[in-house]
Amino acid sequence: MRIPFFDLQRQYQSIKTEIDEAINHVFTASRFIGGTPVANFEKQFAEYIGVPHCISTGNGTDALFLILKALDLPPGSEVIVPAWGCIASAEPVALAGLNLVFCDVDPNYYTLTPETVQKKITSKTKAVMAVHLYGQMAPVHALKEICDRHNIFLIEDCAQAHGATENGTMAGTTGVASAFSFYPTKNLGAYGDAGCVLTYDPQLAERIRRLANHGALQKDDHLMEGTNSRMDTLQAAFLSVKLGHLKEWNKRRNQIAWQYTYTLKKVAGLTLPQIRPGTTHTFHIYCLRTRLRDALKKFLDEKGIETAIHYPLGLPSTAAYRNFGHKPTDFPVTHALQHEVLSLPVFPELTTEEVTFVCSTLSDFFNRHSR
C-alpha cells in the first residue's frame, strides 16, 4: 500500500464534472483576467466568511503584503509575527519596509498567546499578525483586546484555517483585515496560486484593490503605484466549485483526525494535536510530535506512507533571519518543535482502511522502540 501525503488527482476525480464545466465556461467566454468568475467567487467567499469585502489576489503572500502596504504604517514600525510557521507570514513584513519581531508560540496549540505578545510590544509596535496554524485558530479575541488597548492593528493570516472558528467566530472576521491562501493543498485550494484579502473597512478594501491592480480600479485609472496581483479567472472558477464542498471536506478531515487520535492516544512517546477549548479545528495539517521524529519518518516512508515536516526550522533559525542574532533560548517552544513535528496524511479522500494502516504502522514503530 502506498499512501500519499496529499492526492489532488483523487480530489479532481470526485468533482470532475463540475471542474470540467467550469473550464468550459471560462474558455467559451475567453476572458482570462477578471470577469464574472472572479467577481462571483469574491462575493461567495465574502458571504461564506461573513465579511463584506473580498479582494482576490495572486496568492496568499501577496494578500499579507497588500494589507501591510495599505495600512500605510510609519517607517520603523514593528510587526509581531509567530516564530513558528511558514516564511510566507514573515517575509511580507520586510517587503513592506517594516521591522519584523518574532514571538514564541503556545506549546500545545503552536499559535501566538496573549502573554507572549504582550511581552514583545514596544512603542514602535503597530501590528500583530495572528497566524491560524494547521487549521487551529489563534486566540484572536484575546489578541484583539491587547491590540485595542495599545492602539495597534490585528491582522489575521488564515492561509491554513478555511472554516475554522473560535467561540463561533469564523477565522478572518476579527482583525482589521485577513489574508487567505488558496494554494492547491489548502482545505480550499485552487489548481495554481491564488489568494484574497477580507476586511470590513470599505476604504481599506478599495486601497488594497487598487494596490493589487497597478493602482487602478478600472483600466488606466492609476491613482497610485501598485503591483500586479490578480487572481486568475480559471482559479476563481475552480474555487467557486470547491467552495461548495468545503464544509463536507472539513468534516471528513475531522473524521480522519478523530480516527488517528482515538487509535494512537495510548501510544507512549507520541504527542497528538490538541484542540483549544472553544475552537473548531479544520485539520489542514495533522501534526504530531515525537523525539523519534526522523526515525519515524524514515520507517513510515519505507512502509509506503508519505509524511511531511511543518516545519524543519523555526523562522529565527532559517538562513533568511540568522542575521537577527537570535539564540535557541529566545524561542524555546519553537526550538523544540523543529526537532519533533511530523505531519500525517489527512486529505479528505483518504479511506478508513488507509488511515487504519497508518495507525497500525505507527503503533508498530513505537512497539519496536519500547522493547
Protein backbone atom coordinates (compact mmCIF):
# COMPACT_ATOMS: atom_id res chain seq x y z
CA MET A 1 0.00 0.00 0.00
CA ARG A 2 1.32 3.42 -0.98
CA ILE A 3 -0.32 6.36 0.82
CA PRO A 4 0.47 9.87 -0.49
CA PHE A 5 0.59 12.89 1.78
CA PHE A 6 -1.93 14.61 -0.49
CA ASP A 7 -3.61 13.43 -3.69
CA LEU A 8 -5.09 16.12 -5.95
CA GLN A 9 -5.95 13.52 -8.59
CA ARG A 10 -8.37 11.82 -6.19
CA GLN A 11 -9.95 15.17 -5.40
CA TYR A 12 -10.28 16.06 -9.08
CA GLN A 13 -11.93 12.73 -9.90
CA SER A 14 -14.51 13.31 -7.15
CA ILE A 15 -15.61 16.66 -8.66
CA LYS A 16 -14.52 16.13 -12.28
CA THR A 17 -17.83 17.00 -13.92
CA GLU A 18 -18.10 20.34 -12.07
CA ILE A 19 -14.47 21.27 -12.72
CA ASP A 20 -14.68 20.39 -16.41
CA GLU A 21 -17.84 22.50 -16.75
CA ALA A 22 -16.07 25.43 -15.08
CA ILE A 23 -13.15 25.13 -17.52
CA ASN A 24 -15.55 25.04 -20.45
CA HIS A 25 -17.40 28.16 -19.29
CA VAL A 26 -14.18 30.16 -18.94
CA PHE A 27 -12.82 29.07 -22.32
CA THR A 28 -16.15 29.72 -24.00
CA ALA A 29 -16.16 33.27 -22.63
CA SER A 30 -12.44 33.57 -23.49
CA ARG A 31 -11.82 36.12 -20.75
CA PHE A 32 -8.87 35.02 -18.68
CA ILE A 33 -8.22 38.05 -16.47
CA GLY A 34 -11.02 39.27 -14.19
CA GLY A 35 -14.59 38.86 -15.36
CA THR A 36 -17.65 37.24 -13.85
CA PRO A 37 -15.95 34.16 -12.32
CA VAL A 38 -13.65 36.36 -10.19
CA ALA A 39 -16.48 38.67 -9.08
CA ASN A 40 -18.67 35.67 -8.29
CA PHE A 41 -16.04 33.98 -6.16
CA GLU A 42 -15.27 37.18 -4.24
CA LYS A 43 -18.96 37.52 -3.42
CA GLN A 44 -19.35 33.84 -2.49
CA PHE A 45 -16.29 33.73 -0.25
CA ALA A 46 -17.16 37.01 1.48
CA GLU A 47 -20.61 35.59 2.27
CA TYR A 48 -19.13 32.30 3.45
CA ILE A 49 -16.76 34.00 5.90
CA GLY A 50 -19.22 36.76 6.81
CA VAL A 51 -17.18 39.84 5.88
CA PRO A 52 -18.45 42.38 3.32
CA HIS A 53 -15.30 43.00 1.26
CA CYS A 54 -13.25 40.30 -0.50
CA ILE A 55 -10.36 41.32 -2.76
CA SER A 56 -8.88 38.47 -4.78
CA THR A 57 -5.10 38.37 -5.16
CA GLY A 58 -2.46 36.34 -6.95
CA ASN A 59 -1.58 34.36 -3.79
CA GLY A 60 -1.74 34.44 -0.02
CA THR A 61 1.69 36.01 0.45
CA ASP A 62 0.65 38.95 -1.71
CA ALA A 63 -2.52 39.25 0.35
CA LEU A 64 -0.50 39.83 3.53
CA PHE A 65 1.87 42.22 1.76
CA LEU A 66 -1.03 44.26 0.37
CA ILE A 67 -2.64 44.55 3.80
CA LEU A 68 0.58 45.87 5.30
CA LYS A 69 1.14 48.32 2.43
CA ALA A 70 -2.46 49.54 2.55
CA LEU A 71 -2.27 50.25 6.29
CA ASP A 72 0.50 52.77 5.48
CA LEU A 73 2.36 52.23 8.75
CA PRO A 74 5.14 54.69 9.70
CA PRO A 75 8.75 53.82 8.77
CA GLY A 76 10.40 51.75 11.50
CA SER A 77 7.08 50.23 12.62
CA GLU A 78 7.33 46.81 14.24
CA VAL A 79 5.07 43.90 13.35
CA ILE A 80 4.90 40.91 15.71
CA VAL A 81 4.83 37.54 13.92
CA PRO A 82 4.99 33.97 15.31
CA ALA A 83 8.45 32.42 15.30
CA TRP A 84 6.85 29.11 14.31
CA GLY A 85 5.23 28.77 10.91
CA CYS A 86 5.71 29.39 7.20
CA ILE A 87 8.06 32.12 5.98
CA ALA A 88 5.15 33.48 3.93
CA SER A 89 3.82 35.03 7.16
CA ALA A 90 7.08 36.83 7.89
CA GLU A 91 8.54 37.96 4.58
CA PRO A 92 5.75 40.42 3.67
CA VAL A 93 6.73 42.47 6.71
CA ALA A 94 10.21 43.16 5.36
CA LEU A 95 8.91 43.53 1.81
CA ALA A 96 6.58 46.27 3.07
CA GLY A 97 9.58 48.08 4.62
CA LEU A 98 8.65 47.27 8.22
CA ASN A 99 10.54 45.67 11.11
CA LEU A 100 9.86 42.02 11.89
CA VAL A 101 9.62 40.96 15.55
CA PHE A 102 9.41 37.23 16.26
CA CYS A 103 7.35 35.87 19.14
CA ASP A 104 7.35 32.35 20.60
CA VAL A 105 4.19 30.22 20.49
CA ASP A 106 1.96 28.14 22.72
CA PRO A 107 3.47 24.66 23.39
CA ASN A 108 0.12 22.94 22.92
CA TYR A 109 -1.52 24.82 20.05
CA TYR A 110 1.52 26.36 18.27
CA THR A 111 -0.06 29.81 17.86
CA LEU A 112 0.61 33.17 19.50
CA THR A 113 -0.53 33.68 23.07
CA PRO A 114 -1.63 36.94 24.70
CA GLU A 115 1.16 36.58 27.26
CA THR A 116 3.99 36.20 24.75
CA VAL A 117 2.66 39.01 22.55
CA GLN A 118 2.30 41.41 25.48
CA LYS A 119 6.00 40.99 26.29
CA LYS A 120 7.02 41.92 22.75
CA ILE A 121 5.03 45.15 22.44
CA THR A 122 7.05 48.38 22.35
CA SER A 123 6.30 51.97 21.41
CA LYS A 124 7.17 51.02 17.81
CA THR A 125 4.73 48.11 17.59
CA LYS A 126 1.99 48.88 15.08
CA ALA A 127 0.58 45.45 14.22
CA VAL A 128 0.30 41.85 15.40
CA MET A 129 -0.09 39.04 12.88
CA ALA A 130 -2.20 36.21 14.28
CA VAL A 131 -1.38 33.09 12.26
CA HIS A 132 -4.01 30.35 12.45
CA LEU A 133 -1.79 27.30 12.13
CA TYR A 134 -2.54 23.77 10.93
CA GLY A 135 -6.29 24.55 10.90
CA GLN A 136 -6.36 25.81 14.50
CA MET A 137 -7.24 29.42 15.29
CA ALA A 138 -5.02 31.62 17.41
CA PRO A 139 -6.86 33.24 20.36
CA VAL A 140 -7.93 36.22 18.25
CA HIS A 141 -10.40 37.70 20.71
CA ALA A 142 -7.79 37.91 23.47
CA LEU A 143 -5.21 39.21 21.00
CA LYS A 144 -7.68 41.82 19.73
CA GLU A 145 -8.19 43.10 23.27
CA ILE A 146 -4.43 43.60 23.62
CA CYS A 147 -4.20 45.31 20.24
CA ASP A 148 -7.09 47.63 21.03
CA ARG A 149 -5.52 48.50 24.37
CA HIS A 150 -2.28 49.51 22.65
CA ASN A 151 -3.95 51.07 19.60
CA ILE A 152 -2.31 48.65 17.15
CA PHE A 153 -3.70 46.59 14.28
CA LEU A 154 -4.54 42.89 14.41
CA ILE A 155 -4.00 41.11 11.08
CA GLU A 156 -5.16 37.52 10.57
CA ASP A 157 -3.21 35.04 8.46
CA CYS A 158 -5.87 32.45 7.61
CA ALA A 159 -3.89 30.54 4.99
CA GLN A 160 -4.42 27.25 6.86
CA ALA A 161 -7.78 27.93 8.51
CA HIS A 162 -10.59 28.00 5.94
CA GLY A 163 -13.73 27.47 8.01
CA ALA A 164 -12.09 27.33 11.47
CA THR A 165 -13.87 29.09 14.33
CA GLU A 166 -13.26 30.45 17.83
CA ASN A 167 -16.35 30.74 20.03
CA GLY A 168 -18.50 30.69 16.91
CA THR A 169 -16.49 33.41 15.18
CA MET A 170 -15.06 32.46 11.79
CA ALA A 171 -11.36 32.85 11.09
CA GLY A 172 -10.85 36.08 9.19
CA THR A 173 -13.53 38.18 10.90
CA THR A 174 -11.78 39.72 13.91
CA GLY A 175 -8.75 41.66 12.66
CA VAL A 176 -8.60 44.84 10.60
CA ALA A 177 -8.06 42.54 7.62
CA SER A 178 -7.35 38.90 6.94
CA ALA A 179 -5.39 37.04 4.29
CA PHE A 180 -6.26 33.67 2.77
CA SER A 181 -4.19 31.40 0.56
CA PHE A 182 -5.74 29.04 -1.97
CA TYR A 183 -2.58 27.10 -2.73
CA PRO A 184 -3.62 23.70 -4.20
CA THR A 185 -3.11 21.69 -1.00
CA LYS A 186 -5.13 24.03 1.25
CA ASN A 187 -8.52 22.94 2.57
CA LEU A 188 -9.90 25.25 -0.12
CA GLY A 189 -7.29 25.09 -2.85
CA ALA A 190 -7.08 26.24 -6.45
CA TYR A 191 -5.19 24.44 -9.23
CA GLY A 192 -2.43 27.03 -9.04
CA ASP A 193 -1.62 30.07 -6.92
CA ALA A 194 -4.43 32.28 -5.64
CA GLY A 195 -5.34 34.26 -2.51
CA CYS A 196 -7.55 37.01 -1.16
CA VAL A 197 -7.96 39.72 1.46
CA LEU A 198 -11.09 40.16 3.58
CA THR A 199 -11.97 43.30 5.50
CA TYR A 200 -14.92 45.23 6.96
CA ASP A 201 -13.33 48.57 6.06
CA PRO A 202 -14.52 49.85 2.66
CA GLN A 203 -11.71 52.40 2.34
CA LEU A 204 -9.06 49.83 3.15
CA ALA A 205 -10.70 47.43 0.71
CA GLU A 206 -10.55 49.98 -2.10
CA ARG A 207 -6.91 50.81 -1.38
CA ILE A 208 -5.96 47.10 -1.40
CA ARG A 209 -7.89 46.53 -4.63
CA ARG A 210 -6.02 49.41 -6.24
CA LEU A 211 -2.63 48.26 -4.95
CA ALA A 212 -3.28 44.79 -6.36
CA ASN A 213 -4.10 46.20 -9.82
CA HIS A 214 -1.41 48.77 -10.64
CA GLY A 215 -3.14 51.40 -8.50
CA ALA A 216 -6.34 51.27 -10.56
CA LEU A 217 -9.92 50.15 -10.16
CA GLN A 218 -10.52 50.45 -13.91
CA LYS A 219 -8.24 50.46 -16.93
CA ASP A 220 -5.85 53.44 -16.89
CA ASP A 221 -7.32 54.72 -13.59
CA HIS A 222 -3.94 54.83 -11.81
CA LEU A 223 -4.26 56.93 -8.64
CA MET A 224 -1.09 55.42 -7.19
CA GLU A 225 1.66 52.96 -7.94
CA GLY A 226 0.69 49.39 -7.19
CA THR A 227 1.61 45.91 -8.27
CA ASN A 228 0.10 43.10 -10.32
CA SER A 229 -1.55 40.55 -8.02
CA ARG A 230 -4.75 39.40 -9.67
CA MET A 231 -6.49 36.06 -9.20
CA ASP A 232 -6.55 34.10 -12.45
CA THR A 233 -10.07 33.71 -13.87
CA LEU A 234 -9.75 29.93 -14.12
CA GLN A 235 -8.66 29.68 -10.49
CA ALA A 236 -11.69 31.72 -9.42
CA ALA A 237 -13.96 29.36 -11.33
CA PHE A 238 -12.33 26.33 -9.71
CA LEU A 239 -12.61 27.88 -6.25
CA SER A 240 -16.32 28.56 -6.68
CA VAL A 241 -16.81 24.85 -7.40
CA LYS A 242 -14.68 23.75 -4.47
CA LEU A 243 -16.25 26.19 -2.01
CA GLY A 244 -19.45 24.19 -2.31
CA HIS A 245 -17.59 21.12 -0.99
CA LEU A 246 -15.53 22.80 1.74
CA LYS A 247 -17.87 22.04 4.64
CA GLU A 248 -18.01 18.36 3.66
CA TRP A 249 -14.22 18.18 3.20
CA ASN A 250 -13.54 19.81 6.58
CA LYS A 251 -15.91 17.33 8.19
CA ARG A 252 -14.04 14.43 6.61
CA ARG A 253 -10.69 15.84 7.78
CA ASN A 254 -12.08 15.88 11.32
CA GLN A 255 -13.21 12.26 10.98
CA ILE A 256 -9.71 11.24 9.91
CA ALA A 257 -8.16 13.25 12.73
CA TRP A 258 -10.53 11.62 15.23
CA GLN A 259 -9.54 8.16 13.96
CA TYR A 260 -5.85 9.00 14.34
CA THR A 261 -6.30 10.43 17.82
CA TYR A 262 -8.61 7.69 19.10
CA THR A 263 -6.30 4.93 17.85
CA LEU A 264 -2.97 6.50 18.83
CA LYS A 265 -3.83 8.24 22.11
CA LYS A 266 -2.28 5.50 24.25
CA VAL A 267 0.96 5.21 22.27
CA ALA A 268 3.84 6.16 24.55
CA GLY A 269 6.31 8.71 23.21
CA LEU A 270 3.79 10.41 20.94
CA THR A 271 2.15 13.83 21.42
CA LEU A 272 -1.02 14.24 19.37
CA PRO A 273 -2.68 17.50 18.23
CA GLN A 274 -4.78 19.28 20.82
CA ILE A 275 -7.87 21.36 20.12
CA ARG A 276 -8.04 24.59 22.08
CA PRO A 277 -11.33 24.85 24.04
CA GLY A 278 -13.94 26.91 22.26
CA THR A 279 -12.46 26.33 18.80
CA THR A 280 -13.23 24.15 15.82
CA HIS A 281 -10.20 22.66 14.08
CA THR A 282 -10.19 22.12 10.31
CA PHE A 283 -7.06 19.91 10.31
CA HIS A 284 -5.29 21.36 7.34
CA ILE A 285 -2.37 19.53 8.96
CA TYR A 286 -2.45 16.65 11.43
CA CYS A 287 0.79 17.39 13.23
CA LEU A 288 2.12 15.03 15.90
CA ARG A 289 5.28 15.32 17.97
CA THR A 290 7.92 12.80 18.96
CA ARG A 291 11.61 12.89 19.82
CA LEU A 292 12.00 9.97 17.43
CA ARG A 293 10.71 12.09 14.54
CA ASP A 294 13.46 11.39 12.00
CA ALA A 295 13.49 7.64 12.63
CA LEU A 296 9.68 7.53 12.49
CA LYS A 297 9.58 9.43 9.21
CA LYS A 298 12.10 7.02 7.66
CA PHE A 299 10.16 4.00 8.92
CA LEU A 300 6.84 5.28 7.55
CA ASP A 301 8.40 6.07 4.19
CA GLU A 302 9.78 2.53 3.97
CA LYS A 303 6.25 1.26 4.59
CA GLY A 304 4.85 3.41 1.79
CA ILE A 305 3.42 6.22 3.92
CA GLU A 306 4.35 9.73 2.81
CA THR A 307 4.69 12.33 5.58
CA ALA A 308 5.89 15.94 5.76
CA ILE A 309 7.59 18.23 8.27
CA HIS A 310 5.81 21.51 9.00
CA TYR A 311 8.39 22.98 9.62
CA PRO A 312 12.04 21.84 9.51
CA LEU A 313 13.19 25.08 11.16
CA GLY A 314 11.66 27.82 13.23
CA LEU A 315 11.76 31.11 11.34
CA PRO A 316 14.52 32.69 13.50
CA SER A 317 16.74 29.69 12.66
CA THR A 318 16.34 29.93 8.88
CA ALA A 319 19.16 31.42 6.81
CA ALA A 320 16.92 34.37 5.91
CA TYR A 321 16.78 35.55 9.54
CA ARG A 322 20.02 34.36 11.15
CA ASN A 323 21.39 37.88 10.94
CA PHE A 324 18.82 38.82 13.61
CA GLY A 325 21.20 37.19 16.11
CA HIS A 326 18.56 35.15 17.97
CA LYS A 327 19.54 32.22 20.21
CA PRO A 328 17.55 28.99 20.69
CA THR A 329 16.74 30.10 24.24
CA ASP A 330 14.93 33.15 22.83
CA PHE A 331 12.21 30.86 21.47
CA PRO A 332 12.31 27.61 23.47
CA VAL A 333 8.98 26.22 22.21
CA THR A 334 9.86 26.94 18.59
CA HIS A 335 13.31 25.42 19.02
CA ALA A 336 11.83 22.19 20.41
CA LEU A 337 9.16 21.91 17.73
CA GLN A 338 11.59 21.97 14.83
CA HIS A 339 13.13 18.69 16.04
CA GLU A 340 9.88 16.88 16.85
CA VAL A 341 6.99 17.67 14.47
CA LEU A 342 5.71 15.30 11.81
CA SER A 343 2.58 15.68 9.66
CA LEU A 344 0.47 12.66 8.68
CA PRO A 345 -1.76 12.39 5.58
CA VAL A 346 -5.17 13.92 6.33
CA PHE A 347 -6.70 14.83 2.97
CA PRO A 348 -10.45 14.14 2.65
CA GLU A 349 -10.18 11.35 0.08
CA LEU A 350 -8.15 9.11 2.40
CA THR A 351 -10.01 5.88 3.08
CA THR A 352 -10.68 4.46 6.53
CA GLU A 353 -8.52 1.48 5.58
CA GLU A 354 -5.61 3.75 4.71
CA VAL A 355 -5.89 5.63 8.00
CA THR A 356 -6.02 2.28 9.83
CA PHE A 357 -2.83 1.21 8.05
CA VAL A 358 -1.07 4.46 9.06
CA CYS A 359 -2.13 3.94 12.69
CA SER A 360 -1.02 0.29 12.79
CA THR A 361 2.33 1.18 11.22
CA LEU A 362 2.89 3.95 13.76
CA SER A 363 2.00 1.62 16.61
CA ASP A 364 4.38 -0.99 15.21
CA PHE A 365 7.21 1.56 15.18
CA PHE A 366 6.74 2.57 18.80
CA ASN A 367 6.28 -1.03 19.94
CA ARG A 368 9.67 -1.83 18.44
CA HIS A 369 11.30 1.15 20.15
CA SER A 370 9.80 0.34 23.54
CA ARG A 371 11.44 -3.09 23.77
